Amino acid sequence: ERQTPFEAGSVREPSREGLSKSIAQACAMLGGAEPLPRPVRTILAAPLKPGGSRREFLRARWDGERVAAQSLQDSGALSSLANSNALIDRAAEAPESAIGEEVTAYLLENGGVT
C-alpha cells in the first residue's frame, strides 16, 4: 500500500502564518498585489451587541465614512454576504458598541465600494 508524502511524514502541512507569508510572497512576485483586504478605522453607523466568546468578522456595508453590520450574520445568510462590502473585526468578548464608536473594518474591494 502506497502512502502519500503527508501520510509518510516526509511533508508537513504549512502553518497558517507560513501559508499567509507564502501567499503574500507569491503575490509580490506577480506584480505586488495585496492578497488581504485593507483595514480601515471607521465609525459605526449603527450599534453593535456585545461580542461572543470568539473573534468575529461581521458582514457589513461601508459608505466611505461609516460602517453598519448587516442584520443577518448566520453562515447560511448569503444575501447579507452578497450585499456586504466590508467586514467589521470584533474581538472576543467585545462590549456593546454605540453609534459613532471607532472600529476596524476590512474592505472587500471587489464587492462594492472600491
Protein backbone atom coordinates (compact mmCIF):
# COMPACT_ATOMS: atom_id res chain seq x y z
CA GLU A 1 0.00 0.00 0.00
CA ARG A 2 1.45 3.30 -1.11
CA GLN A 3 1.37 6.32 1.22
CA THR A 4 1.14 9.97 0.28
CA PRO A 5 4.02 12.23 1.42
CA PHE A 6 1.72 13.64 4.15
CA GLU A 7 0.88 10.14 5.43
CA ALA A 8 4.54 9.07 5.33
CA GLY A 9 5.51 12.09 7.41
CA SER A 10 8.05 13.41 4.91
CA VAL A 11 5.98 16.54 4.20
CA ARG A 12 4.34 18.64 6.87
CA GLU A 13 1.38 20.92 6.34
CA PRO A 14 2.41 24.58 6.48
CA SER A 15 1.36 26.64 9.48
CA ARG A 16 -1.32 29.26 8.93
CA GLU A 17 1.30 32.01 9.34
CA GLY A 18 3.67 30.29 6.93
CA LEU A 19 0.93 29.85 4.35
CA SER A 20 -0.10 33.53 4.59
CA LYS A 21 3.52 34.59 4.17
CA SER A 22 3.92 32.29 1.14
CA ILE A 23 0.78 33.69 -0.48
CA ALA A 24 1.96 37.25 0.12
CA GLN A 25 5.37 36.42 -1.39
CA ALA A 26 3.75 34.83 -4.45
CA CYS A 27 1.50 37.87 -4.96
CA ALA A 28 4.50 40.18 -4.67
CA MET A 29 6.25 38.18 -7.39
CA LEU A 30 3.14 38.51 -9.58
CA GLY A 31 3.13 42.29 -9.53
CA GLY A 32 2.75 43.30 -5.92
CA ALA A 33 -0.99 42.74 -5.44
CA GLU A 34 -2.02 42.72 -1.77
CA PRO A 35 -3.68 39.34 -1.02
CA LEU A 36 -5.55 40.51 2.07
CA PRO A 37 -8.33 43.10 2.33
CA ARG A 38 -7.12 46.50 3.53
CA PRO A 39 -8.18 47.53 7.03
CA VAL A 40 -9.67 50.96 7.74
CA ARG A 41 -10.53 52.68 11.00
CA THR A 42 -14.09 53.93 10.66
CA ILE A 43 -17.08 54.78 12.82
CA LEU A 44 -20.24 52.81 13.45
CA ALA A 45 -23.46 53.90 11.78
CA ALA A 46 -25.46 51.50 13.98
CA PRO A 47 -24.85 49.98 17.43
CA LEU A 48 -23.37 46.51 17.92
CA LYS A 49 -24.44 44.00 20.56
CA PRO A 50 -21.75 42.54 22.85
CA GLY A 51 -19.45 40.03 21.13
CA GLY A 52 -19.35 36.31 21.72
CA SER A 53 -16.62 34.05 23.05
CA ARG A 54 -14.52 34.21 19.88
CA ARG A 55 -13.30 36.83 17.41
CA GLU A 56 -15.90 37.65 14.76
CA PHE A 57 -15.88 39.28 11.36
CA LEU A 58 -19.32 40.80 10.89
CA ARG A 59 -20.69 41.29 7.38
CA ALA A 60 -21.24 44.99 6.86
CA ARG A 61 -21.87 47.92 4.49
CA TRP A 62 -19.37 50.77 4.40
CA ASP A 63 -20.45 54.04 2.74
CA GLY A 64 -16.99 55.59 2.63
CA GLU A 65 -17.36 57.21 6.04
CA ARG A 66 -19.33 54.90 8.34
CA VAL A 67 -19.99 51.18 8.62
CA ALA A 68 -23.07 49.22 9.75
CA ALA A 69 -23.28 45.48 10.37
CA GLN A 70 -25.83 43.53 8.33
CA SER A 71 -28.78 42.34 10.42
CA LEU A 72 -28.32 38.70 9.30
CA GLN A 73 -24.98 37.19 10.31
CA ASP A 74 -25.85 33.46 10.04
CA SER A 75 -23.44 31.39 7.97
CA GLY A 76 -26.27 30.45 5.60
CA ALA A 77 -27.41 34.04 5.01
CA LEU A 78 -25.87 34.54 1.60
CA SER A 79 -27.90 37.66 0.80
CA SER A 80 -26.17 39.60 3.59
CA LEU A 81 -22.79 38.43 2.30
CA ALA A 82 -23.70 39.43 -1.26
CA ASN A 83 -24.76 42.89 -0.03
CA SER A 84 -21.65 43.46 2.07
CA ASN A 85 -18.57 45.39 1.05
CA ALA A 86 -16.79 45.22 4.43
CA LEU A 87 -16.19 43.03 7.46
CA ILE A 88 -16.16 44.55 10.95
CA ASP A 89 -13.44 42.99 13.12
CA ARG A 90 -14.87 42.26 16.60
CA ALA A 91 -12.66 40.94 19.38
CA ALA A 92 -13.81 38.06 21.54
CA GLU A 93 -15.96 39.28 24.43
CA ALA A 94 -16.19 42.77 22.87
CA PRO A 95 -18.50 45.07 24.82
CA GLU A 96 -21.58 46.65 23.25
CA SER A 97 -20.58 49.42 20.82
CA ALA A 98 -22.57 52.60 20.25
CA ILE A 99 -23.18 54.66 17.12
CA GLY A 100 -20.11 56.82 16.45
CA GLU A 101 -17.59 54.48 18.11
CA GLU A 102 -14.46 53.68 16.12
CA VAL A 103 -13.96 50.14 14.78
CA THR A 104 -11.65 48.33 12.39
CA ALA A 105 -13.24 47.12 9.16
CA TYR A 106 -11.75 45.21 6.25
CA LEU A 107 -12.90 46.46 2.87
CA LEU A 108 -13.97 43.82 0.37
CA GLU A 109 -12.98 45.89 -2.61
CA ASN A 110 -14.36 43.52 -5.22
CA GLY A 111 -17.83 43.66 -3.66
CA GLY A 112 -18.85 47.28 -3.77
CA VAL A 113 -17.02 50.48 -2.86
CA THR A 114 -13.53 50.47 -4.35
